[in-house]
Full PDB file with SEQRES, HELIX, SHEET, SSBOND, CRYST1, ORIGX, SCALE, CONECT and MASTER records, all heavy atoms in Angstrom:
SEQRES   1 A   33  GLN ASP SER THR GLY TYR CYS GLU VAL ASP PRO ASN HIS          
SEQRES   2 A   33  ALA GLU VAL ILE ALA SER ASP ARG TYR THR GLN VAL SER          
SEQRES   3 A   33  HIS GLN HIS LYS TYR ILE GLU                                  
SHEET    1 AA1 2 THR A  23  SER A  26  0                                        
SHEET    2 AA1 2 HIS A  29  ILE A  32 -1                                        
CRYST1    1.000    1.000    1.000  90.00  90.00  90.00 P 1           1          
ORIGX1      1.000000  0.000000  0.000000        0.00000                         
ORIGX2      0.000000  1.000000  0.000000        0.00000                         
ORIGX3      0.000000  0.000000  1.000000        0.00000                         
SCALE1      1.000000  0.000000  0.000000        0.00000                         
SCALE2      0.000000  1.000000  0.000000        0.00000                         
SCALE3      0.000000  0.000000  1.000000        0.00000                         
ATOM      1  N   GLN A   1       0.856  -1.217   0.094  1.00  0.00           N  
ATOM      2  CA  GLN A   1      -0.059  -0.002  -0.008  1.00  0.00           C  
ATOM      3  C   GLN A   1       0.877   1.220  -0.008  1.00  0.00           C  
ATOM      4  O   GLN A   1       1.809   1.413   0.818  1.00  0.00           O  
ATOM      5  CB  GLN A   1      -0.888  -0.028   1.321  1.00  0.00           C  
ATOM      6  CG  GLN A   1      -1.837   1.184   1.397  1.00  0.00           C  
ATOM      7  CD  GLN A   1      -3.031   1.043   0.525  1.00  0.00           C  
ATOM      8  OE1 GLN A   1      -3.720   0.017   0.491  1.00  0.00           O  
ATOM      9  NE2 GLN A   1      -3.448   2.142  -0.214  1.00  0.00           N  
ATOM     10  N   ASP A   2       0.543   2.226  -0.911  1.00  0.00           N  
ATOM     11  CA  ASP A   2       1.254   3.476  -0.860  1.00  0.00           C  
ATOM     12  C   ASP A   2       0.287   4.519  -1.262  1.00  0.00           C  
ATOM     13  O   ASP A   2      -0.942   4.303  -1.143  1.00  0.00           O  
ATOM     14  CB  ASP A   2       2.517   3.511  -1.872  1.00  0.00           C  
ATOM     15  CG  ASP A   2       2.095   3.451  -3.371  1.00  0.00           C  
ATOM     16  OD1 ASP A   2       0.776   3.438  -3.564  1.00  0.00           O  
ATOM     17  OD2 ASP A   2       2.917   3.417  -4.156  1.00  0.00           O  
ATOM     18  N   SER A   3       0.721   5.781  -1.386  1.00  0.00           N  
ATOM     19  CA  SER A   3      -0.148   6.886  -1.612  1.00  0.00           C  
ATOM     20  C   SER A   3      -0.983   6.808  -2.907  1.00  0.00           C  
ATOM     21  O   SER A   3      -2.027   7.492  -2.987  1.00  0.00           O  
ATOM     22  CB  SER A   3       0.731   8.263  -1.646  1.00  0.00           C  
ATOM     23  OG  SER A   3       1.634   8.186  -2.771  1.00  0.00           O  
ATOM     24  N   THR A   4      -0.574   5.944  -3.827  1.00  0.00           N  
ATOM     25  CA  THR A   4      -1.368   5.804  -5.124  1.00  0.00           C  
ATOM     26  C   THR A   4      -2.392   4.669  -5.089  1.00  0.00           C  
ATOM     27  O   THR A   4      -3.162   4.615  -5.943  1.00  0.00           O  
ATOM     28  CB  THR A   4      -0.253   5.511  -6.269  1.00  0.00           C  
ATOM     29  OG1 THR A   4       0.294   4.306  -6.031  1.00  0.00           O  
ATOM     30  CG2 THR A   4       0.754   6.650  -6.317  1.00  0.00           C  
ATOM     31  N   GLY A   5      -2.302   3.797  -4.012  1.00  0.00           N  
ATOM     32  CA  GLY A   5      -3.306   2.694  -3.991  1.00  0.00           C  
ATOM     33  C   GLY A   5      -2.619   1.542  -3.513  1.00  0.00           C  
ATOM     34  O   GLY A   5      -1.569   1.411  -2.825  1.00  0.00           O  
ATOM     35  N   TYR A   6      -3.346   0.427  -3.715  1.00  0.00           N  
ATOM     36  CA  TYR A   6      -2.974  -0.919  -3.268  1.00  0.00           C  
ATOM     37  C   TYR A   6      -2.671  -1.853  -4.462  1.00  0.00           C  
ATOM     38  O   TYR A   6      -3.369  -1.861  -5.518  1.00  0.00           O  
ATOM     39  CB  TYR A   6      -4.123  -1.580  -2.517  1.00  0.00           C  
ATOM     40  CG  TYR A   6      -3.952  -2.955  -1.986  1.00  0.00           C  
ATOM     41  CD1 TYR A   6      -3.176  -3.169  -0.804  1.00  0.00           C  
ATOM     42  CD2 TYR A   6      -4.270  -4.059  -2.749  1.00  0.00           C  
ATOM     43  CE1 TYR A   6      -2.976  -4.488  -0.392  1.00  0.00           C  
ATOM     44  CE2 TYR A   6      -4.152  -5.343  -2.278  1.00  0.00           C  
ATOM     45  CZ  TYR A   6      -3.482  -5.562  -1.016  1.00  0.00           C  
ATOM     46  OH  TYR A   6      -3.253  -6.806  -0.535  1.00  0.00           O  
ATOM     47  N   CYS A   7      -1.719  -2.735  -4.298  1.00  0.00           N  
ATOM     48  CA  CYS A   7      -1.389  -3.709  -5.277  1.00  0.00           C  
ATOM     49  C   CYS A   7      -0.824  -4.978  -4.527  1.00  0.00           C  
ATOM     50  O   CYS A   7      -0.539  -4.952  -3.373  1.00  0.00           O  
ATOM     51  CB  CYS A   7      -0.427  -3.256  -6.337  1.00  0.00           C  
ATOM     52  SG  CYS A   7       1.246  -3.038  -5.710  1.00  0.00           S  
ATOM     53  N   GLU A   8      -0.588  -6.056  -5.198  1.00  0.00           N  
ATOM     54  CA  GLU A   8       0.009  -7.245  -4.600  1.00  0.00           C  
ATOM     55  C   GLU A   8       1.420  -7.398  -5.318  1.00  0.00           C  
ATOM     56  O   GLU A   8       1.740  -6.915  -6.465  1.00  0.00           O  
ATOM     57  CB  GLU A   8      -0.807  -8.414  -4.858  1.00  0.00           C  
ATOM     58  CG  GLU A   8      -2.044  -8.459  -4.089  1.00  0.00           C  
ATOM     59  CD  GLU A   8      -2.803  -9.820  -4.040  1.00  0.00           C  
ATOM     60  OE1 GLU A   8      -2.595 -10.608  -5.029  1.00  0.00           O  
ATOM     61  OE2 GLU A   8      -3.638  -9.944  -3.202  1.00  0.00           O  
ATOM     62  N   VAL A   9       2.343  -8.116  -4.591  1.00  0.00           N  
ATOM     63  CA  VAL A   9       3.633  -8.408  -5.100  1.00  0.00           C  
ATOM     64  C   VAL A   9       3.809  -9.917  -5.098  1.00  0.00           C  
ATOM     65  O   VAL A   9       3.599 -10.611  -4.145  1.00  0.00           O  
ATOM     66  CB  VAL A   9       4.737  -7.761  -4.249  1.00  0.00           C  
ATOM     67  CG1 VAL A   9       6.061  -8.124  -4.644  1.00  0.00           C  
ATOM     68  CG2 VAL A   9       4.441  -6.282  -4.070  1.00  0.00           C  
ATOM     69  N   ASP A  10       4.246 -10.378  -6.287  1.00  0.00           N  
ATOM     70  CA  ASP A  10       4.583 -11.850  -6.493  1.00  0.00           C  
ATOM     71  C   ASP A  10       6.132 -11.876  -6.324  1.00  0.00           C  
ATOM     72  O   ASP A  10       6.873 -11.547  -7.210  1.00  0.00           O  
ATOM     73  CB  ASP A  10       4.131 -12.352  -7.837  1.00  0.00           C  
ATOM     74  CG  ASP A  10       4.437 -13.799  -7.911  1.00  0.00           C  
ATOM     75  OD1 ASP A  10       5.108 -14.475  -7.108  1.00  0.00           O  
ATOM     76  OD2 ASP A  10       3.887 -14.470  -8.902  1.00  0.00           O  
ATOM     77  N   PRO A  11       6.573 -12.363  -5.198  1.00  0.00           N  
ATOM     78  CA  PRO A  11       8.089 -12.398  -4.900  1.00  0.00           C  
ATOM     79  C   PRO A  11       8.872 -13.452  -5.755  1.00  0.00           C  
ATOM     80  O   PRO A  11      10.152 -13.382  -5.635  1.00  0.00           O  
ATOM     81  CB  PRO A  11       8.235 -12.628  -3.468  1.00  0.00           C  
ATOM     82  CG  PRO A  11       7.067 -13.438  -3.095  1.00  0.00           C  
ATOM     83  CD  PRO A  11       5.926 -13.081  -4.071  1.00  0.00           C  
ATOM     84  N   ASN A  12       8.184 -14.285  -6.389  1.00  0.00           N  
ATOM     85  CA  ASN A  12       8.989 -15.336  -7.169  1.00  0.00           C  
ATOM     86  C   ASN A  12       9.909 -14.803  -8.192  1.00  0.00           C  
ATOM     87  O   ASN A  12       9.601 -13.828  -8.904  1.00  0.00           O  
ATOM     88  CB  ASN A  12       8.019 -16.201  -7.954  1.00  0.00           C  
ATOM     89  CG  ASN A  12       7.244 -17.149  -6.959  1.00  0.00           C  
ATOM     90  OD1 ASN A  12       7.808 -17.864  -6.167  1.00  0.00           O  
ATOM     91  ND2 ASN A  12       5.880 -17.055  -7.006  1.00  0.00           N  
ATOM     92  N   HIS A  13      11.150 -15.117  -8.156  1.00  0.00           N  
ATOM     93  CA  HIS A  13      12.238 -14.748  -9.143  1.00  0.00           C  
ATOM     94  C   HIS A  13      12.778 -13.386  -8.652  1.00  0.00           C  
ATOM     95  O   HIS A  13      13.506 -12.846  -9.560  1.00  0.00           O  
ATOM     96  CB  HIS A  13      11.728 -14.835 -10.506  1.00  0.00           C  
ATOM     97  CG  HIS A  13      11.199 -16.162 -10.951  1.00  0.00           C  
ATOM     98  ND1 HIS A  13      11.825 -17.305 -10.923  1.00  0.00           N  
ATOM     99  CD2 HIS A  13       9.968 -16.477 -11.284  1.00  0.00           C  
ATOM    100  CE1 HIS A  13      11.085 -18.280 -11.300  1.00  0.00           C  
ATOM    101  NE2 HIS A  13       9.961 -17.853 -11.508  1.00  0.00           N  
ATOM    102  N   ALA A  14      12.388 -12.808  -7.589  1.00  0.00           N  
ATOM    103  CA  ALA A  14      12.960 -11.484  -7.215  1.00  0.00           C  
ATOM    104  C   ALA A  14      14.258 -11.563  -6.593  1.00  0.00           C  
ATOM    105  O   ALA A  14      14.505 -12.553  -5.750  1.00  0.00           O  
ATOM    106  CB  ALA A  14      11.869 -10.749  -6.370  1.00  0.00           C  
ATOM    107  N   GLU A  15      15.071 -10.551  -6.587  1.00  0.00           N  
ATOM    108  CA  GLU A  15      16.293 -10.411  -5.767  1.00  0.00           C  
ATOM    109  C   GLU A  15      15.745  -9.732  -4.550  1.00  0.00           C  
ATOM    110  O   GLU A  15      15.303  -8.498  -4.601  1.00  0.00           O  
ATOM    111  CB  GLU A  15      17.337  -9.642  -6.500  1.00  0.00           C  
ATOM    112  CG  GLU A  15      18.542  -9.416  -5.526  1.00  0.00           C  
ATOM    113  CD  GLU A  15      19.641  -8.560  -6.149  1.00  0.00           C  
ATOM    114  OE1 GLU A  15      19.474  -8.170  -7.351  1.00  0.00           O  
ATOM    115  OE2 GLU A  15      20.564  -8.193  -5.525  1.00  0.00           O  
ATOM    116  N   VAL A  16      15.814 -10.391  -3.367  1.00  0.00           N  
ATOM    117  CA  VAL A  16      15.312  -9.768  -2.181  1.00  0.00           C  
ATOM    118  C   VAL A  16      16.436  -9.430  -1.244  1.00  0.00           C  
ATOM    119  O   VAL A  16      17.277 -10.252  -1.014  1.00  0.00           O  
ATOM    120  CB  VAL A  16      14.320 -10.764  -1.456  1.00  0.00           C  
ATOM    121  CG1 VAL A  16      13.808 -10.087  -0.154  1.00  0.00           C  
ATOM    122  CG2 VAL A  16      13.207 -11.141  -2.295  1.00  0.00           C  
ATOM    123  N   ILE A  17      16.307  -8.097  -0.790  1.00  0.00           N  
ATOM    124  CA  ILE A  17      17.367  -7.630   0.213  1.00  0.00           C  
ATOM    125  C   ILE A  17      16.659  -7.403   1.502  1.00  0.00           C  
ATOM    126  O   ILE A  17      15.828  -6.440   1.588  1.00  0.00           O  
ATOM    127  CB  ILE A  17      17.971  -6.334  -0.341  1.00  0.00           C  
ATOM    128  CG1 ILE A  17      18.698  -6.644  -1.571  1.00  0.00           C  
ATOM    129  CG2 ILE A  17      19.007  -5.904   0.770  1.00  0.00           C  
ATOM    130  CD1 ILE A  17      19.324  -5.343  -2.281  1.00  0.00           C  
ATOM    131  N   ALA A  18      16.855  -8.278   2.457  1.00  0.00           N  
ATOM    132  CA  ALA A  18      16.130  -8.145   3.701  1.00  0.00           C  
ATOM    133  C   ALA A  18      16.856  -7.241   4.661  1.00  0.00           C  
ATOM    134  O   ALA A  18      18.051  -7.293   4.717  1.00  0.00           O  
ATOM    135  CB  ALA A  18      15.902  -9.577   4.416  1.00  0.00           C  
ATOM    136  N   SER A  19      16.098  -6.515   5.418  1.00  0.00           N  
ATOM    137  CA  SER A  19      16.728  -5.557   6.432  1.00  0.00           C  
ATOM    138  C   SER A  19      16.840  -6.395   7.781  1.00  0.00           C  
ATOM    139  O   SER A  19      17.558  -5.722   8.659  1.00  0.00           O  
ATOM    140  CB  SER A  19      15.880  -4.347   6.662  1.00  0.00           C  
ATOM    141  OG  SER A  19      14.581  -4.705   7.073  1.00  0.00           O  
ATOM    142  N   ASP A  20      16.295  -7.472   7.971  1.00  0.00           N  
ATOM    143  CA  ASP A  20      16.316  -8.174   9.194  1.00  0.00           C  
ATOM    144  C   ASP A  20      16.887  -9.590   9.070  1.00  0.00           C  
ATOM    145  O   ASP A  20      16.295 -10.429   8.369  1.00  0.00           O  
ATOM    146  CB  ASP A  20      14.821  -8.228   9.668  1.00  0.00           C  
ATOM    147  CG  ASP A  20      14.751  -8.761  11.154  1.00  0.00           C  
ATOM    148  OD1 ASP A  20      15.670  -9.465  11.560  1.00  0.00           O  
ATOM    149  OD2 ASP A  20      13.765  -8.381  11.738  1.00  0.00           O  
ATOM    150  N   ARG A  21      18.059  -9.779   9.624  1.00  0.00           N  
ATOM    151  CA  ARG A  21      18.636 -11.172   9.599  1.00  0.00           C  
ATOM    152  C   ARG A  21      18.961 -11.597  11.029  1.00  0.00           C  
ATOM    153  O   ARG A  21      19.404 -10.913  11.881  1.00  0.00           O  
ATOM    154  CB  ARG A  21      19.920 -11.145   8.750  1.00  0.00           C  
ATOM    155  CG  ARG A  21      20.684 -12.530   8.935  1.00  0.00           C  
ATOM    156  CD  ARG A  21      21.862 -12.710   7.814  1.00  0.00           C  
ATOM    157  NE  ARG A  21      21.274 -12.941   6.593  1.00  0.00           N  
ATOM    158  CZ  ARG A  21      22.093 -13.341   5.518  1.00  0.00           C  
ATOM    159  NH1 ARG A  21      23.416 -13.383   5.602  1.00  0.00           N  
ATOM    160  NH2 ARG A  21      21.549 -13.615   4.372  1.00  0.00           N  
ATOM    161  N   TYR A  22      18.611 -12.798  11.246  1.00  0.00           N  
ATOM    162  CA  TYR A  22      18.932 -13.448  12.620  1.00  0.00           C  
ATOM    163  C   TYR A  22      19.618 -14.695  12.409  1.00  0.00           C  
ATOM    164  O   TYR A  22      19.280 -15.602  11.670  1.00  0.00           O  
ATOM    165  CB  TYR A  22      17.540 -13.636  13.351  1.00  0.00           C  
ATOM    166  CG  TYR A  22      17.691 -14.252  14.698  1.00  0.00           C  
ATOM    167  CD1 TYR A  22      18.071 -13.382  15.741  1.00  0.00           C  
ATOM    168  CD2 TYR A  22      17.401 -15.584  14.946  1.00  0.00           C  
ATOM    169  CE1 TYR A  22      18.202 -13.923  17.028  1.00  0.00           C  
ATOM    170  CE2 TYR A  22      17.485 -16.118  16.256  1.00  0.00           C  
ATOM    171  CZ  TYR A  22      17.935 -15.297  17.270  1.00  0.00           C  
ATOM    172  OH  TYR A  22      17.973 -15.811  18.476  1.00  0.00           O  
ATOM    173  N   THR A  23      20.648 -14.958  13.217  1.00  0.00           N  
ATOM    174  CA  THR A  23      21.399 -16.194  13.191  1.00  0.00           C  
ATOM    175  C   THR A  23      21.459 -16.802  14.607  1.00  0.00           C  
ATOM    176  O   THR A  23      21.637 -16.144  15.651  1.00  0.00           O  
ATOM    177  CB  THR A  23      22.934 -15.916  12.802  1.00  0.00           C  
ATOM    178  OG1 THR A  23      22.893 -15.262  11.422  1.00  0.00           O  
ATOM    179  CG2 THR A  23      23.698 -17.094  12.700  1.00  0.00           C  
ATOM    180  N   GLN A  24      21.278 -18.122  14.581  1.00  0.00           N  
ATOM    181  CA  GLN A  24      21.279 -18.886  15.850  1.00  0.00           C  
ATOM    182  C   GLN A  24      22.100 -20.093  15.637  1.00  0.00           C  
ATOM    183  O   GLN A  24      21.935 -20.864  14.772  1.00  0.00           O  
ATOM    184  CB  GLN A  24      19.858 -19.215  16.341  1.00  0.00           C  
ATOM    185  CG  GLN A  24      19.787 -20.072  17.585  1.00  0.00           C  
ATOM    186  CD  GLN A  24      18.286 -20.359  17.826  1.00  0.00           C  
ATOM    187  OE1 GLN A  24      17.426 -19.392  17.889  1.00  0.00           O  
ATOM    188  NE2 GLN A  24      18.054 -21.618  18.261  1.00  0.00           N  
ATOM    189  N   VAL A  25      22.987 -20.403  16.640  1.00  0.00           N  
ATOM    190  CA  VAL A  25      23.734 -21.620  16.578  1.00  0.00           C  
ATOM    191  C   VAL A  25      23.457 -22.394  17.815  1.00  0.00           C  
ATOM    192  O   VAL A  25      23.368 -21.934  19.065  1.00  0.00           O  
ATOM    193  CB  VAL A  25      25.287 -21.335  16.622  1.00  0.00           C  
ATOM    194  CG1 VAL A  25      26.101 -22.559  16.655  1.00  0.00           C  
ATOM    195  CG2 VAL A  25      25.670 -20.369  15.424  1.00  0.00           C  
ATOM    196  N   SER A  26      23.098 -23.747  17.518  1.00  0.00           N  
ATOM    197  CA  SER A  26      22.688 -24.545  18.662  1.00  0.00           C  
ATOM    198  C   SER A  26      23.303 -25.978  18.378  1.00  0.00           C  
ATOM    199  O   SER A  26      23.014 -26.636  17.402  1.00  0.00           O  
ATOM    200  CB  SER A  26      21.131 -24.759  18.723  1.00  0.00           C  
ATOM    201  OG  SER A  26      20.750 -25.630  19.666  1.00  0.00           O  
ATOM    202  N   HIS A  27      24.239 -26.329  19.301  1.00  0.00           N  
ATOM    203  CA  HIS A  27      24.913 -27.569  19.166  1.00  0.00           C  
ATOM    204  C   HIS A  27      25.673 -27.632  17.764  1.00  0.00           C  
ATOM    205  O   HIS A  27      26.523 -26.818  17.549  1.00  0.00           O  
ATOM    206  CB  HIS A  27      23.933 -28.805  19.339  1.00  0.00           C  
ATOM    207  CG  HIS A  27      23.243 -28.708  20.736  1.00  0.00           C  
ATOM    208  ND1 HIS A  27      23.931 -28.880  21.901  1.00  0.00           N  
ATOM    209  CD2 HIS A  27      21.981 -28.536  21.086  1.00  0.00           C  
ATOM    210  CE1 HIS A  27      23.050 -28.833  22.823  1.00  0.00           C  
ATOM    211  NE2 HIS A  27      21.843 -28.566  22.390  1.00  0.00           N  
ATOM    212  N   GLN A  28      25.306 -28.631  17.007  1.00  0.00           N  
ATOM    213  CA  GLN A  28      25.999 -28.803  15.672  1.00  0.00           C  
ATOM    214  C   GLN A  28      25.229 -28.186  14.534  1.00  0.00           C  
ATOM    215  O   GLN A  28      25.539 -28.550  13.417  1.00  0.00           O  
ATOM    216  CB  GLN A  28      26.178 -30.237  15.465  1.00  0.00           C  
ATOM    217  CG  GLN A  28      27.134 -30.929  16.454  1.00  0.00           C  
ATOM    218  CD  GLN A  28      28.580 -30.319  16.365  1.00  0.00           C  
ATOM    219  OE1 GLN A  28      29.242 -30.189  15.382  1.00  0.00           O  
ATOM    220  NE2 GLN A  28      29.121 -29.956  17.560  1.00  0.00           N  
ATOM    221  N   HIS A  29      24.279 -27.313  14.893  1.00  0.00           N  
ATOM    222  CA  HIS A  29      23.518 -26.667  13.720  1.00  0.00           C  
ATOM    223  C   HIS A  29      23.451 -25.187  13.853  1.00  0.00           C  
ATOM    224  O   HIS A  29      23.673 -24.586  14.924  1.00  0.00           O  
ATOM    225  CB  HIS A  29      21.973 -27.101  13.924  1.00  0.00           C  
ATOM    226  CG  HIS A  29      21.778 -28.582  13.506  1.00  0.00           C  
ATOM    227  ND1 HIS A  29      22.014 -29.658  14.283  1.00  0.00           N  
ATOM    228  CD2 HIS A  29      21.428 -29.091  12.276  1.00  0.00           C  
ATOM    229  CE1 HIS A  29      21.803 -30.776  13.685  1.00  0.00           C  
ATOM    230  NE2 HIS A  29      21.417 -30.436  12.378  1.00  0.00           N  
ATOM    231  N   LYS A  30      23.297 -24.516  12.632  1.00  0.00           N  
ATOM    232  CA  LYS A  30      23.356 -23.106  12.589  1.00  0.00           C  
ATOM    233  C   LYS A  30      22.103 -22.721  11.743  1.00  0.00           C  
ATOM    234  O   LYS A  30      21.832 -23.281  10.704  1.00  0.00           O  
ATOM    235  CB  LYS A  30      24.541 -22.476  11.894  1.00  0.00           C  
ATOM    236  CG  LYS A  30      24.525 -21.048  11.788  1.00  0.00           C  
ATOM    237  CD  LYS A  30      25.967 -20.448  11.480  1.00  0.00           C  
ATOM    238  CE  LYS A  30      26.405 -20.855  10.116  1.00  0.00           C  
ATOM    239  NZ  LYS A  30      27.688 -20.248   9.609  1.00  0.00           N  
ATOM    240  N   TYR A  31      21.254 -21.756  12.279  1.00  0.00           N  
ATOM    241  CA  TYR A  31      20.071 -21.297  11.653  1.00  0.00           C  
ATOM    242  C   TYR A  31      20.269 -19.897  11.228  1.00  0.00           C  
ATOM    243  O   TYR A  31      20.536 -19.056  12.097  1.00  0.00           O  
ATOM    244  CB  TYR A  31      18.912 -21.580  12.514  1.00  0.00           C  
ATOM    245  CG  TYR A  31      18.797 -22.990  13.155  1.00  0.00           C  
ATOM    246  CD1 TYR A  31      19.421 -23.259  14.347  1.00  0.00           C  
ATOM    247  CD2 TYR A  31      18.078 -23.964  12.418  1.00  0.00           C  
ATOM    248  CE1 TYR A  31      19.349 -24.529  14.949  1.00  0.00           C  
ATOM    249  CE2 TYR A  31      17.966 -25.246  13.041  1.00  0.00           C  
ATOM    250  CZ  TYR A  31      18.577 -25.519  14.254  1.00  0.00           C  
ATOM    251  OH  TYR A  31      18.527 -26.684  14.786  1.00  0.00           O  
ATOM    252  N   ILE A  32      19.827 -19.610  10.003  1.00  0.00           N  
ATOM    253  CA  ILE A  32      19.849 -18.140   9.567  1.00  0.00           C  
ATOM    254  C   ILE A  32      18.621 -17.846   8.917  1.00  0.00           C  
ATOM    255  O   ILE A  32      17.977 -18.634   8.101  1.00  0.00           O  
ATOM    256  CB  ILE A  32      20.963 -17.994   8.560  1.00  0.00           C  
ATOM    257  CG1 ILE A  32      22.368 -18.363   9.023  1.00  0.00           C  
ATOM    258  CG2 ILE A  32      20.963 -16.523   7.962  1.00  0.00           C  
ATOM    259  CD1 ILE A  32      23.435 -18.252   8.059  1.00  0.00           C  
ATOM    260  N   GLU A  33      18.013 -16.695   9.398  1.00  0.00           N  
ATOM    261  CA  GLU A  33      16.672 -16.384   8.844  1.00  0.00           C  
ATOM    262  C   GLU A  33      16.768 -14.956   8.365  1.00  0.00           C  
ATOM    263  O   GLU A  33      17.193 -13.988   9.112  1.00  0.00           O  
ATOM    264  CB  GLU A  33      15.636 -16.449   9.984  1.00  0.00           C  
ATOM    265  CG  GLU A  33      14.255 -16.015   9.707  1.00  0.00           C  
ATOM    266  CD  GLU A  33      13.414 -16.215  10.924  1.00  0.00           C  
ATOM    267  OE1 GLU A  33      13.346 -15.379  11.706  1.00  0.00           O  
ATOM    268  OE2 GLU A  33      12.627 -17.273  10.928  1.00  0.00           O  
TER     269      GLU A  33                                                      
MASTER        0    0    0    0    2    0    0    6  268    1    0    3          
END                                                                             
């Protein structure tokens, strides 16, 4: 939603740059989100 109205976004095949990354290491595993 912006000042011009509403639309939808299909993220398939997009280059996505996320502002929020979280990393967790537990035992022998590492998780990144």
